[in-house]
mmCIF file of all heavy atoms, coordinates in Angstrom:
data_MODEL
# 
_entry.id   MODEL 
# 
loop_
_atom_site.group_PDB 
_atom_site.id 
_atom_site.type_symbol 
_atom_site.label_atom_id 
_atom_site.label_alt_id 
_atom_site.label_comp_id 
_atom_site.label_asym_id 
_atom_site.label_entity_id 
_atom_site.label_seq_id 
_atom_site.pdbx_PDB_ins_code 
_atom_site.Cartn_x 
_atom_site.Cartn_y 
_atom_site.Cartn_z 
_atom_site.occupancy 
_atom_site.B_iso_or_equiv 
_atom_site.pdbx_formal_charge 
_atom_site.auth_seq_id 
_atom_site.auth_comp_id 
_atom_site.auth_asym_id 
_atom_site.auth_atom_id 
_atom_site.pdbx_PDB_model_num 
ATOM 1   N N   . PHE A 1 1  ? -7.560  -6.423  -21.843 1.00 0.00 ? 1  PHE A N   1 
ATOM 2   C CA  . PHE A 1 1  ? -7.371  -7.106  -20.567 1.00 0.00 ? 1  PHE A CA  1 
ATOM 3   C C   . PHE A 1 1  ? -8.450  -8.147  -20.302 1.00 0.00 ? 1  PHE A C   1 
ATOM 4   O O   . PHE A 1 1  ? -8.167  -9.228  -19.783 1.00 0.00 ? 1  PHE A O   1 
ATOM 5   C CB  . PHE A 1 1  ? -7.336  -6.091  -19.416 1.00 0.00 ? 1  PHE A CB  1 
ATOM 6   C CG  . PHE A 1 1  ? -6.106  -5.229  -19.402 1.00 0.00 ? 1  PHE A CG  1 
ATOM 7   C CD1 . PHE A 1 1  ? -6.176  -3.889  -19.744 1.00 0.00 ? 1  PHE A CD1 1 
ATOM 8   C CD2 . PHE A 1 1  ? -4.868  -5.748  -19.055 1.00 0.00 ? 1  PHE A CD2 1 
ATOM 9   C CE1 . PHE A 1 1  ? -5.050  -3.082  -19.732 1.00 0.00 ? 1  PHE A CE1 1 
ATOM 10  C CE2 . PHE A 1 1  ? -3.736  -4.949  -19.038 1.00 0.00 ? 1  PHE A CE2 1 
ATOM 11  C CZ  . PHE A 1 1  ? -3.821  -3.618  -19.381 1.00 0.00 ? 1  PHE A CZ  1 
ATOM 12  N N   . GLN A 1 2  ? -9.695  -7.837  -20.663 1.00 0.00 ? 2  GLN A N   1 
ATOM 13  C CA  . GLN A 1 2  ? -10.801 -8.723  -20.319 1.00 0.00 ? 2  GLN A CA  1 
ATOM 14  C C   . GLN A 1 2  ? -10.755 -10.042 -21.079 1.00 0.00 ? 2  GLN A C   1 
ATOM 15  O O   . GLN A 1 2  ? -11.297 -11.044 -20.607 1.00 0.00 ? 2  GLN A O   1 
ATOM 16  C CB  . GLN A 1 2  ? -12.140 -8.019  -20.588 1.00 0.00 ? 2  GLN A CB  1 
ATOM 17  C CG  . GLN A 1 2  ? -12.402 -6.825  -19.692 1.00 0.00 ? 2  GLN A CG  1 
ATOM 18  C CD  . GLN A 1 2  ? -12.516 -7.195  -18.222 1.00 0.00 ? 2  GLN A CD  1 
ATOM 19  O OE1 . GLN A 1 2  ? -12.789 -8.336  -17.879 1.00 0.00 ? 2  GLN A OE1 1 
ATOM 20  N NE2 . GLN A 1 2  ? -12.285 -6.225  -17.350 1.00 0.00 ? 2  GLN A NE2 1 
ATOM 21  N N   . MET A 1 3  ? -10.131 -10.082 -22.250 1.00 0.00 ? 3  MET A N   1 
ATOM 22  C CA  . MET A 1 3  ? -10.131 -11.322 -23.021 1.00 0.00 ? 3  MET A CA  1 
ATOM 23  C C   . MET A 1 3  ? -9.205  -12.384 -22.432 1.00 0.00 ? 3  MET A C   1 
ATOM 24  O O   . MET A 1 3  ? -9.240  -13.537 -22.837 1.00 0.00 ? 3  MET A O   1 
ATOM 25  C CB  . MET A 1 3  ? -9.738  -11.039 -24.481 1.00 0.00 ? 3  MET A CB  1 
ATOM 26  C CG  . MET A 1 3  ? -8.278  -10.725 -24.709 1.00 0.00 ? 3  MET A CG  1 
ATOM 27  S SD  . MET A 1 3  ? -7.922  -10.561 -26.483 1.00 0.00 ? 3  MET A SD  1 
ATOM 28  C CE  . MET A 1 3  ? -6.161  -10.208 -26.456 1.00 0.00 ? 3  MET A CE  1 
ATOM 29  N N   . MET A 1 4  ? -8.385  -12.014 -21.454 1.00 0.00 ? 4  MET A N   1 
ATOM 30  C CA  . MET A 1 4  ? -7.436  -12.954 -20.873 1.00 0.00 ? 4  MET A CA  1 
ATOM 31  C C   . MET A 1 4  ? -7.972  -13.543 -19.575 1.00 0.00 ? 4  MET A C   1 
ATOM 32  O O   . MET A 1 4  ? -8.723  -12.899 -18.855 1.00 0.00 ? 4  MET A O   1 
ATOM 33  C CB  . MET A 1 4  ? -6.098  -12.247 -20.607 1.00 0.00 ? 4  MET A CB  1 
ATOM 34  C CG  . MET A 1 4  ? -5.486  -11.626 -21.835 1.00 0.00 ? 4  MET A CG  1 
ATOM 35  S SD  . MET A 1 4  ? -4.086  -10.584 -21.415 1.00 0.00 ? 4  MET A SD  1 
ATOM 36  C CE  . MET A 1 4  ? -3.904  -9.668  -22.950 1.00 0.00 ? 4  MET A CE  1 
ATOM 37  N N   . SER A 1 5  ? -7.550  -14.751 -19.289 1.00 0.00 ? 5  SER A N   1 
ATOM 38  C CA  . SER A 1 5  ? -7.921  -15.382 -18.028 1.00 0.00 ? 5  SER A CA  1 
ATOM 39  C C   . SER A 1 5  ? -7.205  -14.669 -16.890 1.00 0.00 ? 5  SER A C   1 
ATOM 40  O O   . SER A 1 5  ? -6.176  -14.018 -17.100 1.00 0.00 ? 5  SER A O   1 
ATOM 41  C CB  . SER A 1 5  ? -7.534  -16.859 -18.045 1.00 0.00 ? 5  SER A CB  1 
ATOM 42  O OG  . SER A 1 5  ? -6.124  -16.997 -18.119 1.00 0.00 ? 5  SER A OG  1 
ATOM 43  N N   . PRO A 1 6  ? -7.720  -14.747 -15.650 1.00 0.00 ? 6  PRO A N   1 
ATOM 44  C CA  . PRO A 1 6  ? -7.098  -14.046 -14.517 1.00 0.00 ? 6  PRO A CA  1 
ATOM 45  C C   . PRO A 1 6  ? -5.621  -14.351 -14.343 1.00 0.00 ? 6  PRO A C   1 
ATOM 46  O O   . PRO A 1 6  ? -4.830  -13.455 -14.030 1.00 0.00 ? 6  PRO A O   1 
ATOM 47  C CB  . PRO A 1 6  ? -7.922  -14.531 -13.322 1.00 0.00 ? 6  PRO A CB  1 
ATOM 48  C CG  . PRO A 1 6  ? -9.259  -14.852 -13.896 1.00 0.00 ? 6  PRO A CG  1 
ATOM 49  C CD  . PRO A 1 6  ? -8.980  -15.405 -15.263 1.00 0.00 ? 6  PRO A CD  1 
ATOM 50  N N   . ASN A 1 7  ? -5.217  -15.602 -14.547 1.00 0.00 ? 7  ASN A N   1 
ATOM 51  C CA  . ASN A 1 7  ? -3.802  -15.955 -14.376 1.00 0.00 ? 7  ASN A CA  1 
ATOM 52  C C   . ASN A 1 7  ? -2.926  -15.283 -15.423 1.00 0.00 ? 7  ASN A C   1 
ATOM 53  O O   . ASN A 1 7  ? -1.839  -14.790 -15.125 1.00 0.00 ? 7  ASN A O   1 
ATOM 54  C CB  . ASN A 1 7  ? -3.626  -17.475 -14.437 1.00 0.00 ? 7  ASN A CB  1 
ATOM 55  C CG  . ASN A 1 7  ? -4.236  -18.182 -13.245 1.00 0.00 ? 7  ASN A CG  1 
ATOM 56  O OD1 . ASN A 1 7  ? -4.332  -17.605 -12.167 1.00 0.00 ? 7  ASN A OD1 1 
ATOM 57  N ND2 . ASN A 1 7  ? -4.667  -19.419 -13.436 1.00 0.00 ? 7  ASN A ND2 1 
ATOM 58  N N   . VAL A 1 8  ? -3.396  -15.257 -16.662 1.00 0.00 ? 8  VAL A N   1 
ATOM 59  C CA  . VAL A 1 8  ? -2.637  -14.621 -17.740 1.00 0.00 ? 8  VAL A CA  1 
ATOM 60  C C   . VAL A 1 8  ? -2.632  -13.103 -17.567 1.00 0.00 ? 8  VAL A C   1 
ATOM 61  O O   . VAL A 1 8  ? -1.682  -12.418 -17.962 1.00 0.00 ? 8  VAL A O   1 
ATOM 62  C CB  . VAL A 1 8  ? -3.223  -15.009 -19.110 1.00 0.00 ? 8  VAL A CB  1 
ATOM 63  C CG1 . VAL A 1 8  ? -2.491  -14.295 -20.250 1.00 0.00 ? 8  VAL A CG1 1 
ATOM 64  C CG2 . VAL A 1 8  ? -3.147  -16.514 -19.304 1.00 0.00 ? 8  VAL A CG2 1 
ATOM 65  N N   . ARG A 1 9  ? -3.673  -12.583 -16.955 1.00 0.00 ? 9  ARG A N   1 
ATOM 66  C CA  . ARG A 1 9  ? -3.809  -11.137 -16.802 1.00 0.00 ? 9  ARG A CA  1 
ATOM 67  C C   . ARG A 1 9  ? -2.699  -10.542 -15.929 1.00 0.00 ? 9  ARG A C   1 
ATOM 68  O O   . ARG A 1 9  ? -2.300  -9.398  -16.116 1.00 0.00 ? 9  ARG A O   1 
ATOM 69  C CB  . ARG A 1 9  ? -5.180  -10.802 -16.214 1.00 0.00 ? 9  ARG A CB  1 
ATOM 70  C CG  . ARG A 1 9  ? -5.702  -9.430  -16.593 1.00 0.00 ? 9  ARG A CG  1 
ATOM 71  C CD  . ARG A 1 9  ? -7.125  -9.265  -16.130 1.00 0.00 ? 9  ARG A CD  1 
ATOM 72  N NE  . ARG A 1 9  ? -8.020  -10.152 -16.849 1.00 0.00 ? 9  ARG A NE  1 
ATOM 73  C CZ  . ARG A 1 9  ? -9.249  -10.456 -16.445 1.00 0.00 ? 9  ARG A CZ  1 
ATOM 74  N NH1 . ARG A 1 9  ? -9.713  -9.943  -15.320 1.00 0.00 ? 9  ARG A NH1 1 
ATOM 75  N NH2 . ARG A 1 9  ? -10.002 -11.266 -17.155 1.00 0.00 ? 9  ARG A NH2 1 
ATOM 76  N N   . TYR A 1 10 ? -2.197  -11.323 -14.985 1.00 0.00 ? 10 TYR A N   1 
ATOM 77  C CA  . TYR A 1 10 ? -1.062  -10.852 -14.180 1.00 0.00 ? 10 TYR A CA  1 
ATOM 78  C C   . TYR A 1 10 ? 0.119   -10.517 -15.081 1.00 0.00 ? 10 TYR A C   1 
ATOM 79  O O   . TYR A 1 10 ? 0.727   -9.444  -14.971 1.00 0.00 ? 10 TYR A O   1 
ATOM 80  C CB  . TYR A 1 10 ? -0.652  -11.922 -13.162 1.00 0.00 ? 10 TYR A CB  1 
ATOM 81  C CG  . TYR A 1 10 ? -1.520  -11.994 -11.935 1.00 0.00 ? 10 TYR A CG  1 
ATOM 82  C CD1 . TYR A 1 10 ? -2.508  -12.959 -11.827 1.00 0.00 ? 10 TYR A CD1 1 
ATOM 83  C CD2 . TYR A 1 10 ? -1.351  -11.089 -10.884 1.00 0.00 ? 10 TYR A CD2 1 
ATOM 84  C CE1 . TYR A 1 10 ? -3.315  -13.034 -10.688 1.00 0.00 ? 10 TYR A CE1 1 
ATOM 85  C CE2 . TYR A 1 10 ? -2.152  -11.153 -9.751  1.00 0.00 ? 10 TYR A CE2 1 
ATOM 86  C CZ  . TYR A 1 10 ? -3.130  -12.125 -9.660  1.00 0.00 ? 10 TYR A CZ  1 
ATOM 87  O OH  . TYR A 1 10 ? -3.924  -12.188 -8.536  1.00 0.00 ? 10 TYR A OH  1 
ATOM 88  N N   . LEU A 1 11 ? 0.451   -11.454 -15.979 1.00 0.00 ? 11 LEU A N   1 
ATOM 89  C CA  . LEU A 1 11 ? 1.563   -11.237 -16.907 1.00 0.00 ? 11 LEU A CA  1 
ATOM 90  C C   . LEU A 1 11 ? 1.259   -10.086 -17.852 1.00 0.00 ? 11 LEU A C   1 
ATOM 91  O O   . LEU A 1 11 ? 2.139   -9.274  -18.159 1.00 0.00 ? 11 LEU A O   1 
ATOM 92  C CB  . LEU A 1 11 ? 1.827   -12.515 -17.709 1.00 0.00 ? 11 LEU A CB  1 
ATOM 93  C CG  . LEU A 1 11 ? 2.930   -12.445 -18.776 1.00 0.00 ? 11 LEU A CG  1 
ATOM 94  C CD1 . LEU A 1 11 ? 4.276   -12.110 -18.133 1.00 0.00 ? 11 LEU A CD1 1 
ATOM 95  C CD2 . LEU A 1 11 ? 3.008   -13.759 -19.546 1.00 0.00 ? 11 LEU A CD2 1 
ATOM 96  N N   . ALA A 1 12 ? -0.002  -9.992  -18.286 1.00 0.00 ? 12 ALA A N   1 
ATOM 97  C CA  . ALA A 1 12 ? -0.389  -8.919  -19.208 1.00 0.00 ? 12 ALA A CA  1 
ATOM 98  C C   . ALA A 1 12 ? -0.172  -7.548  -18.594 1.00 0.00 ? 12 ALA A C   1 
ATOM 99  O O   . ALA A 1 12 ? 0.324   -6.624  -19.251 1.00 0.00 ? 12 ALA A O   1 
ATOM 100 C CB  . ALA A 1 12 ? -1.850  -9.088  -19.619 1.00 0.00 ? 12 ALA A CB  1 
ATOM 101 N N   . VAL A 1 13 ? -0.538  -7.393  -17.335 1.00 0.00 ? 13 VAL A N   1 
ATOM 102 C CA  . VAL A 1 13 ? -0.389  -6.099  -16.666 1.00 0.00 ? 13 VAL A CA  1 
ATOM 103 C C   . VAL A 1 13 ? 1.088   -5.758  -16.482 1.00 0.00 ? 13 VAL A C   1 
ATOM 104 O O   . VAL A 1 13 ? 1.510   -4.620  -16.729 1.00 0.00 ? 13 VAL A O   1 
ATOM 105 C CB  . VAL A 1 13 ? -1.121  -6.100  -15.308 1.00 0.00 ? 13 VAL A CB  1 
ATOM 106 C CG1 . VAL A 1 13 ? -0.786  -4.837  -14.521 1.00 0.00 ? 13 VAL A CG1 1 
ATOM 107 C CG2 . VAL A 1 13 ? -2.618  -6.203  -15.526 1.00 0.00 ? 13 VAL A CG2 1 
ATOM 108 N N   . ILE A 1 14 ? 1.891   -6.735  -16.063 1.00 0.00 ? 14 ILE A N   1 
ATOM 109 C CA  . ILE A 1 14 ? 3.326   -6.496  -15.875 1.00 0.00 ? 14 ILE A CA  1 
ATOM 110 C C   . ILE A 1 14 ? 3.972   -6.070  -17.192 1.00 0.00 ? 14 ILE A C   1 
ATOM 111 O O   . ILE A 1 14 ? 4.725   -5.086  -17.257 1.00 0.00 ? 14 ILE A O   1 
ATOM 112 C CB  . ILE A 1 14 ? 4.019   -7.756  -15.320 1.00 0.00 ? 14 ILE A CB  1 
ATOM 113 C CG1 . ILE A 1 14 ? 3.532   -8.045  -13.898 1.00 0.00 ? 14 ILE A CG1 1 
ATOM 114 C CG2 . ILE A 1 14 ? 5.530   -7.586  -15.329 1.00 0.00 ? 14 ILE A CG2 1 
ATOM 115 C CD1 . ILE A 1 14 ? 4.009   -9.370  -13.348 1.00 0.00 ? 14 ILE A CD1 1 
ATOM 116 N N   . LEU A 1 15 ? 3.660   -6.798  -18.261 1.00 0.00 ? 15 LEU A N   1 
ATOM 117 C CA  . LEU A 1 15 ? 4.240   -6.474  -19.566 1.00 0.00 ? 15 LEU A CA  1 
ATOM 118 C C   . LEU A 1 15 ? 3.705   -5.153  -20.105 1.00 0.00 ? 15 LEU A C   1 
ATOM 119 O O   . LEU A 1 15 ? 4.448   -4.389  -20.740 1.00 0.00 ? 15 LEU A O   1 
ATOM 120 C CB  . LEU A 1 15 ? 3.949   -7.604  -20.560 1.00 0.00 ? 15 LEU A CB  1 
ATOM 121 C CG  . LEU A 1 15 ? 4.721   -8.908  -20.351 1.00 0.00 ? 15 LEU A CG  1 
ATOM 122 C CD1 . LEU A 1 15 ? 4.254   -9.961  -21.349 1.00 0.00 ? 15 LEU A CD1 1 
ATOM 123 C CD2 . LEU A 1 15 ? 6.228   -8.672  -20.502 1.00 0.00 ? 15 LEU A CD2 1 
ATOM 124 N N   . SER A 1 16 ? 2.424   -4.866  -19.870 1.00 0.00 ? 16 SER A N   1 
ATOM 125 C CA  . SER A 1 16 ? 1.855   -3.622  -20.391 1.00 0.00 ? 16 SER A CA  1 
ATOM 126 C C   . SER A 1 16 ? 2.443   -2.405  -19.693 1.00 0.00 ? 16 SER A C   1 
ATOM 127 O O   . SER A 1 16 ? 2.665   -1.359  -20.325 1.00 0.00 ? 16 SER A O   1 
ATOM 128 C CB  . SER A 1 16 ? 0.333   -3.630  -20.256 1.00 0.00 ? 16 SER A CB  1 
ATOM 129 O OG  . SER A 1 16 ? -0.050  -3.690  -18.901 1.00 0.00 ? 16 SER A OG  1 
ATOM 130 N N   . VAL A 1 17 ? 2.708   -2.519  -18.391 1.00 0.00 ? 17 VAL A N   1 
ATOM 131 C CA  . VAL A 1 17 ? 3.370   -1.423  -17.685 1.00 0.00 ? 17 VAL A CA  1 
ATOM 132 C C   . VAL A 1 17 ? 4.769   -1.200  -18.251 1.00 0.00 ? 17 VAL A C   1 
ATOM 133 O O   . VAL A 1 17 ? 5.186   -0.069  -18.511 1.00 0.00 ? 17 VAL A O   1 
ATOM 134 C CB  . VAL A 1 17 ? 3.444   -1.711  -16.168 1.00 0.00 ? 17 VAL A CB  1 
ATOM 135 C CG1 . VAL A 1 17 ? 4.323   -0.671  -15.475 1.00 0.00 ? 17 VAL A CG1 1 
ATOM 136 C CG2 . VAL A 1 17 ? 2.052   -1.698  -15.561 1.00 0.00 ? 17 VAL A CG2 1 
ATOM 137 N N   . SER A 1 18 ? 5.497   -2.294  -18.469 1.00 0.00 ? 18 SER A N   1 
ATOM 138 C CA  . SER A 1 18 ? 6.845   -2.193  -19.050 1.00 0.00 ? 18 SER A CA  1 
ATOM 139 C C   . SER A 1 18 ? 6.787   -1.589  -20.447 1.00 0.00 ? 18 SER A C   1 
ATOM 140 O O   . SER A 1 18 ? 7.589   -0.717  -20.790 1.00 0.00 ? 18 SER A O   1 
ATOM 141 C CB  . SER A 1 18 ? 7.488   -3.583  -19.107 1.00 0.00 ? 18 SER A CB  1 
ATOM 142 O OG  . SER A 1 18 ? 7.563   -4.167  -17.829 1.00 0.00 ? 18 SER A OG  1 
ATOM 143 N N   . ALA A 1 19 ? 5.815   -2.038  -21.250 1.00 0.00 ? 19 ALA A N   1 
ATOM 144 C CA  . ALA A 1 19 ? 5.676   -1.503  -22.608 1.00 0.00 ? 19 ALA A CA  1 
ATOM 145 C C   . ALA A 1 19 ? 5.276   -0.036  -22.587 1.00 0.00 ? 19 ALA A C   1 
ATOM 146 O O   . ALA A 1 19 ? 5.685   0.749   -23.456 1.00 0.00 ? 19 ALA A O   1 
ATOM 147 C CB  . ALA A 1 19 ? 4.642   -2.322  -23.383 1.00 0.00 ? 19 ALA A CB  1 
ATOM 148 N N   . GLY A 1 20 ? 4.472   0.356   -21.590 1.00 0.00 ? 20 GLY A N   1 
ATOM 149 C CA  . GLY A 1 20 ? 4.106   1.759   -21.470 1.00 0.00 ? 20 GLY A CA  1 
ATOM 150 C C   . GLY A 1 20 ? 5.301   2.637   -21.180 1.00 0.00 ? 20 GLY A C   1 
ATOM 151 O O   . GLY A 1 20 ? 5.427   3.745   -21.719 1.00 0.00 ? 20 GLY A O   1 
ATOM 152 N N   . VAL A 1 21 ? 6.195   2.155   -20.346 1.00 0.00 ? 21 VAL A N   1 
ATOM 153 C CA  . VAL A 1 21 ? 7.433   2.893   -20.066 1.00 0.00 ? 21 VAL A CA  1 
ATOM 154 C C   . VAL A 1 21 ? 8.276   3.006   -21.328 1.00 0.00 ? 21 VAL A C   1 
ATOM 155 O O   . VAL A 1 21 ? 8.848   4.059   -21.637 1.00 0.00 ? 21 VAL A O   1 
ATOM 156 C CB  . VAL A 1 21 ? 8.230   2.186   -18.946 1.00 0.00 ? 21 VAL A CB  1 
ATOM 157 C CG1 . VAL A 1 21 ? 9.607   2.800   -18.789 1.00 0.00 ? 21 VAL A CG1 1 
ATOM 158 C CG2 . VAL A 1 21 ? 7.462   2.261   -17.633 1.00 0.00 ? 21 VAL A CG2 1 
ATOM 159 N N   . ILE A 1 22 ? 8.342   1.920   -22.083 1.00 0.00 ? 22 ILE A N   1 
ATOM 160 C CA  . ILE A 1 22 ? 9.148   1.909   -23.305 1.00 0.00 ? 22 ILE A CA  1 
ATOM 161 C C   . ILE A 1 22 ? 8.515   2.792   -24.380 1.00 0.00 ? 22 ILE A C   1 
ATOM 162 O O   . ILE A 1 22 ? 9.214   3.409   -25.194 1.00 0.00 ? 22 ILE A O   1 
ATOM 163 C CB  . ILE A 1 22 ? 9.332   0.468   -23.793 1.00 0.00 ? 22 ILE A CB  1 
ATOM 164 C CG1 . ILE A 1 22 ? 10.144  -0.310  -22.745 1.00 0.00 ? 22 ILE A CG1 1 
ATOM 165 C CG2 . ILE A 1 22 ? 10.040  0.407   -25.134 1.00 0.00 ? 22 ILE A CG2 1 
ATOM 166 C CD1 . ILE A 1 22 ? 10.154  -1.802  -22.934 1.00 0.00 ? 22 ILE A CD1 1 
ATOM 167 N N   . ALA A 1 23 ? 7.189   2.879   -24.387 1.00 0.00 ? 23 ALA A N   1 
ATOM 168 C CA  . ALA A 1 23 ? 6.521   3.800   -25.307 1.00 0.00 ? 23 ALA A CA  1 
ATOM 169 C C   . ALA A 1 23 ? 6.943   5.233   -25.016 1.00 0.00 ? 23 ALA A C   1 
ATOM 170 O O   . ALA A 1 23 ? 7.170   6.041   -25.926 1.00 0.00 ? 23 ALA A O   1 
ATOM 171 C CB  . ALA A 1 23 ? 5.005   3.671   -25.170 1.00 0.00 ? 23 ALA A CB  1 
ATOM 172 N N   . SER A 1 24 ? 7.069   5.546   -23.742 1.00 0.00 ? 24 SER A N   1 
ATOM 173 C CA  . SER A 1 24 ? 7.535   6.873   -23.352 1.00 0.00 ? 24 SER A CA  1 
ATOM 174 C C   . SER A 1 24 ? 8.973   7.094   -23.812 1.00 0.00 ? 24 SER A C   1 
ATOM 175 O O   . SER A 1 24 ? 9.353   8.197   -24.220 1.00 0.00 ? 24 SER A O   1 
ATOM 176 C CB  . SER A 1 24 ? 7.446   7.016   -21.830 1.00 0.00 ? 24 SER A CB  1 
ATOM 177 O OG  . SER A 1 24 ? 6.147   6.713   -21.378 1.00 0.00 ? 24 SER A OG  1 
ATOM 178 N N   . GLN A 1 25 ? 9.769   6.039   -23.772 1.00 0.00 ? 25 GLN A N   1 
ATOM 179 C CA  . GLN A 1 25 ? 11.155  6.139   -24.210 1.00 0.00 ? 25 GLN A CA  1 
ATOM 180 C C   . GLN A 1 25 ? 11.261  6.501   -25.687 1.00 0.00 ? 25 GLN A C   1 
ATOM 181 O O   . GLN A 1 25 ? 12.103  7.297   -26.092 1.00 0.00 ? 25 GLN A O   1 
ATOM 182 C CB  . GLN A 1 25 ? 11.876  4.806   -23.962 1.00 0.00 ? 25 GLN A CB  1 
ATOM 183 C CG  . GLN A 1 25 ? 13.337  4.805   -24.380 1.00 0.00 ? 25 GLN A CG  1 
ATOM 184 C CD  . GLN A 1 25 ? 14.133  5.823   -23.591 1.00 0.00 ? 25 GLN A CD  1 
ATOM 185 O OE1 . GLN A 1 25 ? 14.111  5.830   -22.374 1.00 0.00 ? 25 GLN A OE1 1 
ATOM 186 N NE2 . GLN A 1 25 ? 14.850  6.684   -24.285 1.00 0.00 ? 25 GLN A NE2 1 
# 
């Protein structure tokens, strides 16, 4: 997370939450 700029980090968090759900799947 820290390597990304604040603006990109919004997208990173949204995608990581989605990927976390899919990992559970």
